[in-house]
């Protein structure tokens, strides 16, 4: 007489593992769809940043805004007003590597320069990402300005958010000074005031 064995039942543990695996795959799929959609749609793009300038050594102060389209791409519009600068002068205006404002802005480090280029004018191909040229003060030591830059960004690997904006006491020679320091800092001199680029409401 042939013997027939009873079919083996799957253990409860295997069922739990199987169900958990299905749930995990489902969550990964949903996250992938959501993340892809939000990235392509630019839903999380930063569109506005703000800097409130402060100075340890002088009374220079001001507020600067940075605006970019909701796509997170394209030119950034920079506008602001800075007061108590040296009158009728050009002042170097740069994004620096770090957001550390200690030691009278010295801890902000060098210009933001992810491509390892030499210092230049904002319109030069060979420039630091942080090279924003000069701002001009009037007879009262006030600089009001609005301009665009095509290299900095509020998003991605060229984002300036969390980095320091520094206004210098001297004029940026835009890399045309004929010495090594010109190719690093534009001979812009001391750091008159600085502030961190933060998110604006």
N, C-alpha and C. Protein backbone atom coordinates (compact mmCIF):
# COMPACT_ATOMS: atom_id res chain seq x y z
N UNK A 1 0.86 -1.19 0.00
CA UNK A 1 0.00 0.00 0.00
C UNK A 1 0.88 1.23 0.00
N UNK A 2 0.55 2.05 -0.93
CA UNK A 2 1.36 3.25 -1.03
C UNK A 2 1.05 4.17 0.14
N UNK A 3 2.09 4.83 0.58
CA UNK A 3 1.93 5.78 1.67
C UNK A 3 1.91 7.20 1.12
N UNK A 4 0.96 7.95 1.58
CA UNK A 4 0.85 9.36 1.18
C UNK A 4 1.16 10.24 2.39
N UNK A 5 2.19 11.09 2.23
CA UNK A 5 2.56 11.97 3.36
C UNK A 5 1.70 13.23 3.32
N UNK A 6 1.41 13.78 4.49
CA UNK A 6 0.62 15.01 4.61
C UNK A 6 1.47 16.20 4.12
N UNK A 7 0.89 17.08 3.25
CA UNK A 7 1.65 18.24 2.76
C UNK A 7 2.16 19.09 3.94
N UNK A 8 3.42 19.53 3.78
CA UNK A 8 4.01 20.37 4.83
C UNK A 8 3.40 21.77 4.77
N UNK A 9 3.07 22.31 5.93
CA UNK A 9 2.52 23.67 6.00
C UNK A 9 3.66 24.68 6.14
N UNK A 10 3.50 25.81 5.48
CA UNK A 10 4.50 26.87 5.60
C UNK A 10 4.47 27.42 7.02
N UNK A 11 5.64 27.67 7.54
CA UNK A 11 5.73 28.18 8.90
C UNK A 11 5.20 29.61 8.96
N UNK A 12 4.64 30.02 10.10
CA UNK A 12 4.17 31.41 10.26
C UNK A 12 5.28 32.43 10.03
N UNK A 13 6.52 32.08 10.38
CA UNK A 13 7.64 33.01 10.21
C UNK A 13 7.87 33.33 8.74
N UNK A 14 7.78 32.30 7.88
CA UNK A 14 7.97 32.53 6.45
C UNK A 14 6.89 33.44 5.88
N UNK A 15 5.65 33.25 6.37
CA UNK A 15 4.56 34.11 5.91
C UNK A 15 4.83 35.57 6.28
N UNK A 16 5.29 35.78 7.51
CA UNK A 16 5.57 37.14 7.97
C UNK A 16 6.66 37.78 7.13
N UNK A 17 7.73 37.01 6.85
CA UNK A 17 8.83 37.53 6.04
C UNK A 17 8.35 37.88 4.64
N UNK A 18 7.51 37.02 4.06
CA UNK A 18 6.99 37.24 2.72
C UNK A 18 6.14 38.51 2.66
N UNK A 19 5.25 38.67 3.63
CA UNK A 19 4.38 39.85 3.66
C UNK A 19 5.19 41.12 3.88
N UNK A 20 6.18 41.04 4.77
CA UNK A 20 7.02 42.21 5.04
C UNK A 20 7.80 42.62 3.79
N UNK A 21 8.25 41.63 3.02
CA UNK A 21 8.99 41.93 1.79
C UNK A 21 8.10 42.65 0.78
N UNK A 22 6.86 42.18 0.66
CA UNK A 22 5.93 42.82 -0.26
C UNK A 22 5.64 44.26 0.16
N UNK A 23 5.44 44.47 1.45
CA UNK A 23 5.19 45.82 1.94
C UNK A 23 6.38 46.74 1.69
N UNK A 24 7.58 46.21 1.90
CA UNK A 24 8.79 47.00 1.69
C UNK A 24 8.93 47.41 0.23
N UNK A 25 8.68 46.47 -0.68
CA UNK A 25 8.76 46.78 -2.11
C UNK A 25 7.72 47.82 -2.50
N UNK A 26 6.53 47.70 -1.92
CA UNK A 26 5.48 48.66 -2.21
C UNK A 26 5.84 50.06 -1.76
N UNK A 27 6.40 50.17 -0.56
CA UNK A 27 6.81 51.48 -0.05
C UNK A 27 7.91 52.08 -0.89
N UNK A 28 8.87 51.25 -1.33
CA UNK A 28 9.95 51.75 -2.17
C UNK A 28 9.40 52.28 -3.49
N UNK A 29 8.42 51.58 -4.04
CA UNK A 29 7.82 52.02 -5.30
C UNK A 29 7.11 53.36 -5.13
N UNK A 30 6.31 53.47 -4.08
CA UNK A 30 5.57 54.72 -3.83
C UNK A 30 6.54 55.87 -3.61
N UNK A 31 7.61 55.65 -2.81
CA UNK A 31 8.60 56.70 -2.55
C UNK A 31 9.28 57.11 -3.85
N UNK A 32 9.61 56.12 -4.70
CA UNK A 32 10.28 56.43 -5.95
C UNK A 32 9.43 57.29 -6.86
N UNK A 33 8.14 56.97 -6.95
CA UNK A 33 7.23 57.75 -7.77
C UNK A 33 7.10 59.16 -7.23
N UNK A 34 6.93 59.27 -5.90
CA UNK A 34 6.76 60.59 -5.29
C UNK A 34 8.01 61.44 -5.45
N UNK A 35 9.17 60.85 -5.16
CA UNK A 35 10.43 61.60 -5.22
C UNK A 35 10.72 62.06 -6.64
N UNK A 36 10.47 61.14 -7.61
CA UNK A 36 10.72 61.49 -9.00
C UNK A 36 9.82 62.63 -9.44
N UNK A 37 8.56 62.56 -9.04
CA UNK A 37 7.62 63.59 -9.44
C UNK A 37 7.94 64.94 -8.84
N UNK A 38 8.32 64.95 -7.55
CA UNK A 38 8.61 66.23 -6.91
C UNK A 38 9.88 66.83 -7.42
N UNK A 39 10.88 65.99 -7.79
CA UNK A 39 12.14 66.52 -8.30
C UNK A 39 11.94 67.12 -9.68
N UNK A 40 11.21 66.39 -10.54
CA UNK A 40 11.01 66.88 -11.89
C UNK A 40 10.11 68.10 -11.90
N UNK A 41 9.17 68.14 -10.98
CA UNK A 41 8.25 69.26 -10.95
C UNK A 41 8.82 70.48 -10.26
N UNK A 42 9.98 70.34 -9.62
CA UNK A 42 10.61 71.47 -8.94
C UNK A 42 9.84 71.93 -7.71
N UNK A 43 9.05 71.02 -7.10
CA UNK A 43 8.21 71.41 -5.98
C UNK A 43 9.03 71.84 -4.77
N UNK A 44 10.25 71.33 -4.65
CA UNK A 44 11.06 71.64 -3.48
C UNK A 44 12.14 72.68 -3.76
N UNK A 45 12.12 73.31 -4.90
CA UNK A 45 13.17 74.28 -5.24
C UNK A 45 13.10 75.49 -4.31
N UNK A 46 14.27 75.98 -3.92
CA UNK A 46 14.38 77.20 -3.13
C UNK A 46 14.32 78.39 -4.09
N UNK A 47 13.45 79.32 -3.82
CA UNK A 47 13.28 80.46 -4.74
C UNK A 47 13.75 81.79 -4.17
N UNK A 48 13.99 81.84 -2.86
CA UNK A 48 14.40 83.12 -2.27
C UNK A 48 15.30 82.92 -1.06
N UNK A 49 16.41 83.66 -1.05
CA UNK A 49 17.32 83.67 0.09
C UNK A 49 17.52 85.08 0.58
N UNK A 50 17.97 85.22 1.82
CA UNK A 50 18.16 86.55 2.39
C UNK A 50 19.41 86.57 3.26
N UNK A 51 20.09 87.71 3.27
CA UNK A 51 21.26 87.92 4.12
C UNK A 51 21.05 89.19 4.93
N UNK A 52 21.25 89.09 6.23
CA UNK A 52 21.27 90.27 7.10
C UNK A 52 22.73 90.49 7.50
N UNK A 53 23.31 91.57 7.00
CA UNK A 53 24.73 91.84 7.24
C UNK A 53 24.98 92.34 8.64
N UNK A 54 26.12 91.92 9.20
CA UNK A 54 26.55 92.46 10.48
C UNK A 54 28.04 92.73 10.41
N UNK A 55 28.52 93.55 11.33
CA UNK A 55 29.93 93.90 11.35
C UNK A 55 30.40 94.01 12.79
N UNK A 56 31.51 93.36 13.12
CA UNK A 56 32.07 93.45 14.46
C UNK A 56 32.89 94.72 14.65
N UNK A 57 33.59 95.12 13.60
CA UNK A 57 34.55 96.22 13.73
C UNK A 57 33.98 97.58 13.34
N UNK A 58 32.89 97.60 12.60
CA UNK A 58 32.33 98.88 12.12
C UNK A 58 30.82 98.82 12.21
N UNK A 59 30.18 99.85 11.71
CA UNK A 59 28.72 99.92 11.81
C UNK A 59 28.03 99.65 10.48
N UNK A 60 28.74 99.01 9.56
CA UNK A 60 28.14 98.67 8.27
C UNK A 60 27.02 97.66 8.47
N UNK A 61 25.88 97.89 7.83
CA UNK A 61 24.76 96.96 7.96
C UNK A 61 23.91 97.01 6.70
N UNK A 62 23.06 96.01 6.54
CA UNK A 62 22.20 95.97 5.37
C UNK A 62 21.50 94.65 5.20
N UNK A 63 20.63 94.57 4.21
CA UNK A 63 19.89 93.35 3.89
C UNK A 63 19.94 93.12 2.39
N UNK A 64 20.22 91.89 2.00
CA UNK A 64 20.33 91.52 0.59
C UNK A 64 19.44 90.31 0.33
N UNK A 65 18.74 90.31 -0.78
CA UNK A 65 17.92 89.16 -1.16
C UNK A 65 18.43 88.54 -2.46
N UNK A 66 18.22 87.24 -2.57
CA UNK A 66 18.57 86.47 -3.76
C UNK A 66 17.30 85.75 -4.21
N UNK A 67 16.95 85.89 -5.48
CA UNK A 67 15.73 85.26 -5.99
C UNK A 67 16.01 84.46 -7.26
N UNK A 68 15.39 83.28 -7.33
CA UNK A 68 15.56 82.39 -8.48
C UNK A 68 14.20 81.79 -8.83
N UNK A 69 14.03 81.38 -10.07
CA UNK A 69 12.74 80.86 -10.52
C UNK A 69 12.37 79.57 -9.80
N UNK A 70 11.10 79.22 -9.85
CA UNK A 70 10.60 78.04 -9.15
C UNK A 70 11.13 76.74 -9.73
N UNK A 71 11.77 76.81 -10.90
CA UNK A 71 12.39 75.61 -11.48
C UNK A 71 13.70 75.27 -10.78
N UNK A 72 14.22 76.22 -10.00
CA UNK A 72 15.51 76.01 -9.34
C UNK A 72 16.68 76.19 -10.27
N UNK A 73 16.42 76.75 -11.45
CA UNK A 73 17.47 76.96 -12.45
C UNK A 73 17.41 78.40 -12.95
N UNK A 74 18.46 78.80 -13.69
CA UNK A 74 18.46 80.12 -14.29
C UNK A 74 19.14 81.16 -13.44
N UNK A 75 19.16 82.40 -13.95
CA UNK A 75 19.84 83.50 -13.26
C UNK A 75 19.26 83.75 -11.88
N UNK A 76 20.12 84.24 -11.00
CA UNK A 76 19.70 84.67 -9.67
C UNK A 76 19.71 86.20 -9.64
N UNK A 77 18.62 86.79 -9.19
CA UNK A 77 18.53 88.25 -9.04
C UNK A 77 18.95 88.63 -7.63
N UNK A 78 19.90 89.56 -7.56
CA UNK A 78 20.46 90.00 -6.28
C UNK A 78 20.10 91.47 -6.08
N UNK A 79 19.47 91.78 -4.96
CA UNK A 79 19.09 93.17 -4.69
C UNK A 79 19.29 93.47 -3.21
N UNK A 80 19.56 94.74 -2.92
CA UNK A 80 19.74 95.08 -1.52
C UNK A 80 20.13 96.51 -1.27
N UNK A 81 20.33 96.79 0.01
CA UNK A 81 20.76 98.11 0.46
C UNK A 81 21.73 97.93 1.61
N UNK A 82 22.90 98.55 1.49
CA UNK A 82 23.93 98.47 2.53
C UNK A 82 24.31 99.89 2.93
N UNK A 83 24.39 100.13 4.23
CA UNK A 83 24.67 101.48 4.73
C UNK A 83 25.96 101.54 5.54
N UNK A 84 26.45 102.76 5.71
CA UNK A 84 27.68 103.04 6.46
C UNK A 84 28.92 102.42 5.81
N UNK A 85 28.97 102.46 4.51
CA UNK A 85 30.17 102.11 3.77
C UNK A 85 31.01 103.37 3.55
N UNK A 86 32.23 103.20 3.10
CA UNK A 86 33.03 104.36 2.70
C UNK A 86 32.33 105.02 1.52
N UNK A 87 32.18 106.33 1.58
CA UNK A 87 31.39 107.05 0.57
C UNK A 87 32.06 107.06 -0.80
N UNK A 88 31.22 107.08 -1.83
CA UNK A 88 31.68 107.20 -3.23
C UNK A 88 32.78 106.19 -3.56
N UNK A 89 32.53 104.95 -3.20
CA UNK A 89 33.56 103.92 -3.39
C UNK A 89 32.95 102.63 -3.93
N UNK A 90 33.81 101.85 -4.58
CA UNK A 90 33.45 100.49 -4.99
C UNK A 90 33.91 99.53 -3.91
N UNK A 91 33.05 98.58 -3.58
CA UNK A 91 33.35 97.62 -2.52
C UNK A 91 33.18 96.19 -3.05
N UNK A 92 34.21 95.37 -2.84
CA UNK A 92 34.14 93.98 -3.25
C UNK A 92 32.96 93.27 -2.60
N UNK A 93 32.33 92.37 -3.36
CA UNK A 93 31.06 91.76 -2.97
C UNK A 93 31.12 90.29 -3.37
N UNK A 94 31.31 89.39 -2.40
CA UNK A 94 31.60 88.00 -2.74
C UNK A 94 30.84 87.00 -1.85
N UNK A 95 30.58 85.83 -2.41
CA UNK A 95 30.12 84.69 -1.63
C UNK A 95 31.36 83.90 -1.21
N UNK A 96 31.48 83.63 0.10
CA UNK A 96 32.63 82.89 0.61
C UNK A 96 32.24 81.45 0.95
N UNK A 97 33.25 80.64 1.11
CA UNK A 97 33.08 79.19 1.22
C UNK A 97 32.20 78.77 2.40
N UNK A 98 32.42 79.37 3.57
CA UNK A 98 31.79 78.90 4.80
C UNK A 98 30.76 79.89 5.32
N UNK A 99 29.89 79.41 6.17
CA UNK A 99 28.93 80.29 6.83
C UNK A 99 29.36 80.70 8.22
N UNK A 100 30.63 80.49 8.56
CA UNK A 100 31.18 80.85 9.87
C UNK A 100 31.54 82.34 9.87
N UNK A 101 30.87 83.13 10.69
CA UNK A 101 31.08 84.58 10.70
C UNK A 101 32.01 85.05 11.81
N UNK A 102 32.62 84.13 12.54
CA UNK A 102 33.46 84.52 13.66
C UNK A 102 34.75 85.18 13.19
N UNK A 103 35.48 85.76 14.14
CA UNK A 103 36.75 86.45 13.87
C UNK A 103 36.57 87.57 12.85
N UNK A 104 35.51 88.34 13.03
CA UNK A 104 35.22 89.47 12.13
C UNK A 104 35.17 89.04 10.67
N UNK A 105 34.47 87.94 10.43
CA UNK A 105 34.22 87.38 9.09
C UNK A 105 35.41 86.60 8.52
N UNK A 106 36.55 86.58 9.20
CA UNK A 106 37.72 85.89 8.65
C UNK A 106 37.49 84.38 8.53
N UNK A 107 36.65 83.83 9.40
CA UNK A 107 36.41 82.38 9.39
C UNK A 107 35.52 81.92 8.25
N UNK A 108 35.01 82.87 7.46
CA UNK A 108 34.18 82.50 6.31
C UNK A 108 35.00 81.86 5.20
N UNK A 109 36.33 81.92 5.32
CA UNK A 109 37.20 81.26 4.35
C UNK A 109 37.33 82.03 3.05
N UNK A 110 37.87 81.37 2.02
CA UNK A 110 38.07 82.02 0.72
C UNK A 110 36.76 82.13 -0.06
N UNK A 111 36.83 82.70 -1.25
CA UNK A 111 35.65 82.78 -2.11
C UNK A 111 35.15 81.38 -2.45
N UNK A 112 33.84 81.24 -2.60
CA UNK A 112 33.24 79.97 -3.00
C UNK A 112 33.75 79.63 -4.40
N UNK A 113 34.48 78.52 -4.50
CA UNK A 113 35.21 78.23 -5.74
C UNK A 113 35.26 76.72 -6.01
N UNK A 114 34.10 76.09 -6.23
CA UNK A 114 34.08 74.63 -6.40
C UNK A 114 34.81 74.12 -7.64
N UNK A 115 35.06 74.99 -8.63
CA UNK A 115 35.73 74.56 -9.85
C UNK A 115 37.24 74.82 -9.82
N UNK A 116 37.75 75.40 -8.74
CA UNK A 116 39.18 75.63 -8.62
C UNK A 116 39.75 76.63 -9.61
N UNK A 117 38.98 77.66 -9.94
CA UNK A 117 39.45 78.67 -10.90
C UNK A 117 40.08 79.86 -10.17
N UNK A 118 40.68 80.77 -10.94
CA UNK A 118 41.23 81.99 -10.36
C UNK A 118 40.15 83.06 -10.29
N UNK A 119 40.42 84.09 -9.51
CA UNK A 119 39.47 85.18 -9.30
C UNK A 119 39.26 85.99 -10.58
N UNK A 120 38.04 86.48 -10.77
CA UNK A 120 37.75 87.28 -11.95
C UNK A 120 36.51 88.12 -11.78
N UNK A 121 36.10 88.74 -12.86
CA UNK A 121 34.86 89.53 -12.87
C UNK A 121 33.66 88.61 -13.05
N UNK A 122 32.47 89.05 -12.66
CA UNK A 122 31.27 88.22 -12.83
C UNK A 122 31.02 87.79 -14.27
N UNK A 123 31.48 88.59 -15.23
CA UNK A 123 31.26 88.27 -16.65
C UNK A 123 32.38 87.42 -17.24
N UNK A 124 33.44 87.16 -16.48
CA UNK A 124 34.55 86.35 -16.99
C UNK A 124 34.22 84.87 -16.96
N UNK A 125 34.72 84.14 -17.94
CA UNK A 125 34.56 82.69 -17.92
C UNK A 125 35.39 82.09 -16.79
N UNK A 126 36.59 82.65 -16.57
CA UNK A 126 37.48 82.17 -15.52
C UNK A 126 37.25 83.01 -14.27
N UNK A 127 36.42 82.52 -13.37
CA UNK A 127 36.05 83.24 -12.15
C UNK A 127 35.65 82.25 -11.07
N UNK A 128 35.69 82.70 -9.84
CA UNK A 128 35.10 81.92 -8.76
C UNK A 128 33.57 82.00 -8.88
N UNK A 129 32.89 80.96 -8.45
CA UNK A 129 31.43 81.04 -8.43
C UNK A 129 30.98 82.20 -7.54
N UNK A 130 31.73 82.45 -6.47
CA UNK A 130 31.37 83.51 -5.53
C UNK A 130 31.75 84.92 -5.94
N UNK A 131 32.34 85.10 -7.11
CA UNK A 131 32.77 86.43 -7.55
C UNK A 131 31.59 87.24 -8.08
N UNK A 132 31.13 88.19 -7.29
CA UNK A 132 29.99 89.02 -7.68
C UNK A 132 30.38 90.47 -7.96
N UNK A 133 31.69 90.73 -8.10
CA UNK A 133 32.15 92.06 -8.50
C UNK A 133 32.15 93.07 -7.38
N UNK A 134 31.70 94.28 -7.69
CA UNK A 134 31.66 95.40 -6.75
C UNK A 134 30.26 95.99 -6.64
N UNK A 135 29.99 96.58 -5.50
CA UNK A 135 28.82 97.44 -5.36
C UNK A 135 29.33 98.86 -5.12
N UNK A 136 28.55 99.86 -5.51
CA UNK A 136 29.01 101.25 -5.41
C UNK A 136 28.20 102.03 -4.38
N UNK A 137 28.92 102.68 -3.47
CA UNK A 137 28.27 103.52 -2.47
C UNK A 137 28.14 104.96 -2.98
N UNK A 138 27.14 105.66 -2.48
CA UNK A 138 26.95 107.07 -2.87
C UNK A 138 27.66 107.99 -1.88
N UNK A 139 27.37 109.27 -1.97
CA UNK A 139 28.06 110.25 -1.11
C UNK A 139 27.72 110.09 0.36
N UNK A 140 26.65 109.35 0.65
CA UNK A 140 26.26 109.10 2.04
C UNK A 140 26.73 107.73 2.54
N UNK A 141 27.50 107.04 1.72
CA UNK A 141 27.97 105.72 2.12
C UNK A 141 26.92 104.63 2.01
N UNK A 142 25.91 104.87 1.18
CA UNK A 142 24.83 103.89 0.99
C UNK A 142 24.93 103.28 -0.40
N UNK A 143 24.85 101.96 -0.46
CA UNK A 143 24.84 101.26 -1.75
C UNK A 143 23.49 100.58 -1.93
N UNK A 144 22.76 100.97 -2.97
CA UNK A 144 21.52 100.30 -3.34
C UNK A 144 21.73 99.68 -4.72
N UNK A 145 21.33 98.45 -4.89
CA UNK A 145 21.68 97.75 -6.13
C UNK A 145 20.68 96.65 -6.45
N UNK A 146 20.67 96.29 -7.74
CA UNK A 146 19.91 95.15 -8.23
C UNK A 146 20.56 94.68 -9.51
N UNK A 147 20.96 93.42 -9.55
CA UNK A 147 21.60 92.85 -10.74
C UNK A 147 21.40 91.34 -10.73
N UNK A 148 21.78 90.69 -11.81
CA UNK A 148 21.63 89.24 -11.90
C UNK A 148 22.99 88.58 -12.08
N UNK A 149 23.05 87.32 -11.68
CA UNK A 149 24.26 86.52 -11.90
C UNK A 149 23.83 85.17 -12.45
N UNK A 150 24.57 84.69 -13.44
CA UNK A 150 24.19 83.46 -14.13
C UNK A 150 24.87 82.21 -13.58
N UNK A 151 25.77 82.36 -12.60
CA UNK A 151 26.53 81.20 -12.13
C UNK A 151 26.09 80.71 -10.75
N UNK A 152 25.88 81.61 -9.81
CA UNK A 152 25.43 81.16 -8.49
C UNK A 152 24.03 80.58 -8.59
N UNK A 153 23.63 79.85 -7.56
CA UNK A 153 22.29 79.26 -7.53
C UNK A 153 21.82 79.16 -6.08
N UNK A 154 20.54 78.99 -5.91
CA UNK A 154 19.99 78.70 -4.59
C UNK A 154 19.73 77.21 -4.44
N UNK A 155 20.05 76.44 -5.48
CA UNK A 155 19.77 75.00 -5.49
C UNK A 155 20.95 74.24 -6.09
N UNK A 156 21.02 72.95 -5.78
CA UNK A 156 22.03 72.09 -6.39
C UNK A 156 23.44 72.31 -5.85
N UNK A 157 24.43 71.82 -6.60
CA UNK A 157 25.80 71.84 -6.11
C UNK A 157 26.42 73.23 -6.11
N UNK A 158 25.80 74.20 -6.76
CA UNK A 158 26.29 75.58 -6.74
C UNK A 158 25.48 76.46 -5.79
N UNK A 159 24.72 75.83 -4.91
CA UNK A 159 23.90 76.59 -3.98
C UNK A 159 24.75 77.44 -3.04
N UNK A 160 24.31 78.67 -2.83
CA UNK A 160 24.99 79.57 -1.90
C UNK A 160 24.31 79.60 -0.54
N UNK A 161 23.22 78.87 -0.37
CA UNK A 161 22.51 78.84 0.90
C UNK A 161 23.41 78.23 1.98
N UNK A 162 23.53 78.92 3.10
CA UNK A 162 24.39 78.47 4.18
C UNK A 162 25.81 78.99 4.09
N UNK A 163 26.12 79.68 3.02
CA UNK A 163 27.45 80.28 2.86
C UNK A 163 27.39 81.76 3.24
N UNK A 164 28.57 82.37 3.38
CA UNK A 164 28.63 83.77 3.81
C UNK A 164 28.73 84.72 2.62
N UNK A 165 27.99 85.81 2.70
CA UNK A 165 28.18 86.94 1.79
C UNK A 165 29.05 87.95 2.52
N UNK A 166 30.13 88.38 1.88
CA UNK A 166 31.06 89.33 2.49
C UNK A 166 31.14 90.60 1.65
N UNK A 167 31.01 91.74 2.31
CA UNK A 167 31.24 93.04 1.68
C UNK A 167 32.60 93.53 2.16
N UNK A 168 33.46 93.90 1.22
CA UNK A 168 34.83 94.28 1.56
C UNK A 168 34.99 95.79 1.68
N UNK A 169 36.01 96.18 2.43
CA UNK A 169 36.29 97.60 2.64
C UNK A 169 36.86 98.26 1.39
N UNK A 170 37.54 97.47 0.56
CA UNK A 170 38.19 98.01 -0.63
C UNK A 170 37.52 97.57 -1.92
N UNK A 171 38.12 97.99 -3.02
CA UNK A 171 37.61 97.70 -4.36
C UNK A 171 38.19 96.40 -4.91
N UNK A 172 37.34 95.59 -5.49
CA UNK A 172 37.77 94.37 -6.16
C UNK A 172 38.35 94.74 -7.53
N UNK A 173 39.63 94.36 -7.76
CA UNK A 173 40.24 94.67 -9.07
C UNK A 173 39.89 93.65 -10.14
N UNK A 174 39.01 92.69 -9.80
CA UNK A 174 38.46 91.72 -10.75
C UNK A 174 39.52 90.83 -11.38
N UNK A 175 40.59 90.59 -10.62
CA UNK A 175 41.65 89.71 -11.11
C UNK A 175 42.61 90.35 -12.08
N UNK A 176 42.52 91.67 -12.22
CA UNK A 176 43.36 92.38 -13.20
C UNK A 176 44.50 93.16 -12.53
N UNK A 177 44.80 92.86 -11.26
CA UNK A 177 45.79 93.63 -10.52
C UNK A 177 47.23 93.28 -10.79
N UNK A 178 47.46 92.18 -11.51
CA UNK A 178 48.82 91.83 -11.89
C UNK A 178 49.66 91.19 -10.81
N UNK A 179 49.03 90.68 -9.74
CA UNK A 179 49.78 89.97 -8.71
C UNK A 179 49.00 88.74 -8.24
N UNK A 180 49.65 87.92 -7.43
CA UNK A 180 49.02 86.68 -6.98
C UNK A 180 47.75 86.93 -6.18
N UNK A 181 47.78 87.94 -5.33
CA UNK A 181 46.61 88.22 -4.49
C UNK A 181 45.40 88.63 -5.33
N UNK A 182 45.66 89.29 -6.44
CA UNK A 182 44.58 89.68 -7.34
C UNK A 182 43.84 88.46 -7.87
N UNK A 183 44.58 87.39 -8.11
CA UNK A 183 43.98 86.17 -8.64
C UNK A 183 43.29 85.33 -7.57
N UNK A 184 43.43 85.75 -6.30
CA UNK A 184 42.77 85.05 -5.20
C UNK A 184 41.59 85.86 -4.65
N UNK A 185 41.84 87.14 -4.39
CA UNK A 185 40.84 87.97 -3.70
C UNK A 185 40.46 89.24 -4.43
N UNK A 186 41.18 89.57 -5.51
CA UNK A 186 40.94 90.84 -6.17
C UNK A 186 41.45 92.03 -5.39
N UNK A 187 42.33 91.77 -4.40
CA UNK A 187 42.88 92.84 -3.56
C UNK A 187 41.79 93.72 -2.95
N UNK A 188 40.69 93.07 -2.57
CA UNK A 188 39.53 93.83 -2.07
C UNK A 188 39.67 94.28 -0.62
N UNK A 189 40.71 93.85 0.05
CA UNK A 189 40.96 94.35 1.40
C UNK A 189 40.15 93.69 2.49
N UNK A 190 40.04 94.40 3.61
CA UNK A 190 39.40 93.86 4.81
C UNK A 190 37.93 93.53 4.56
N UNK A 191 37.41 92.69 5.43
CA UNK A 191 36.00 92.29 5.35
C UNK A 191 35.18 93.24 6.22
N UNK A 192 34.45 94.13 5.58
CA UNK A 192 33.73 95.18 6.30
C UNK A 192 32.48 94.65 7.01
N UNK A 193 31.81 93.69 6.41
CA UNK A 193 30.60 93.13 7.00
C UNK A 193 30.29 91.80 6.32
N UNK A 194 29.52 90.97 7.02
CA UNK A 194 29.18 89.66 6.44
C UNK A 194 27.87 89.14 7.02
N UNK A 195 27.31 88.16 6.36
CA UNK A 195 26.10 87.51 6.84
C UNK A 195 25.90 86.20 6.10
N UNK A 196 25.14 85.31 6.67
CA UNK A 196 24.89 83.99 6.07
C UNK A 196 23.65 84.05 5.18
N UNK A 197 23.74 83.43 4.01
CA UNK A 197 22.58 83.33 3.11
C UNK A 197 21.61 82.31 3.70
N UNK A 198 20.46 82.78 4.14
CA UNK A 198 19.45 81.90 4.72
C UNK A 198 18.20 81.85 3.86
N UNK A 199 17.27 80.99 4.23
CA UNK A 199 16.01 80.87 3.50
C UNK A 199 15.09 82.03 3.87
N UNK A 200 14.47 82.62 2.87
CA UNK A 200 13.53 83.72 3.10
C UNK A 200 12.10 83.20 3.11
N UNK A 201 11.26 83.88 3.84
CA UNK A 201 9.85 83.48 3.91
C UNK A 201 9.16 83.78 2.60
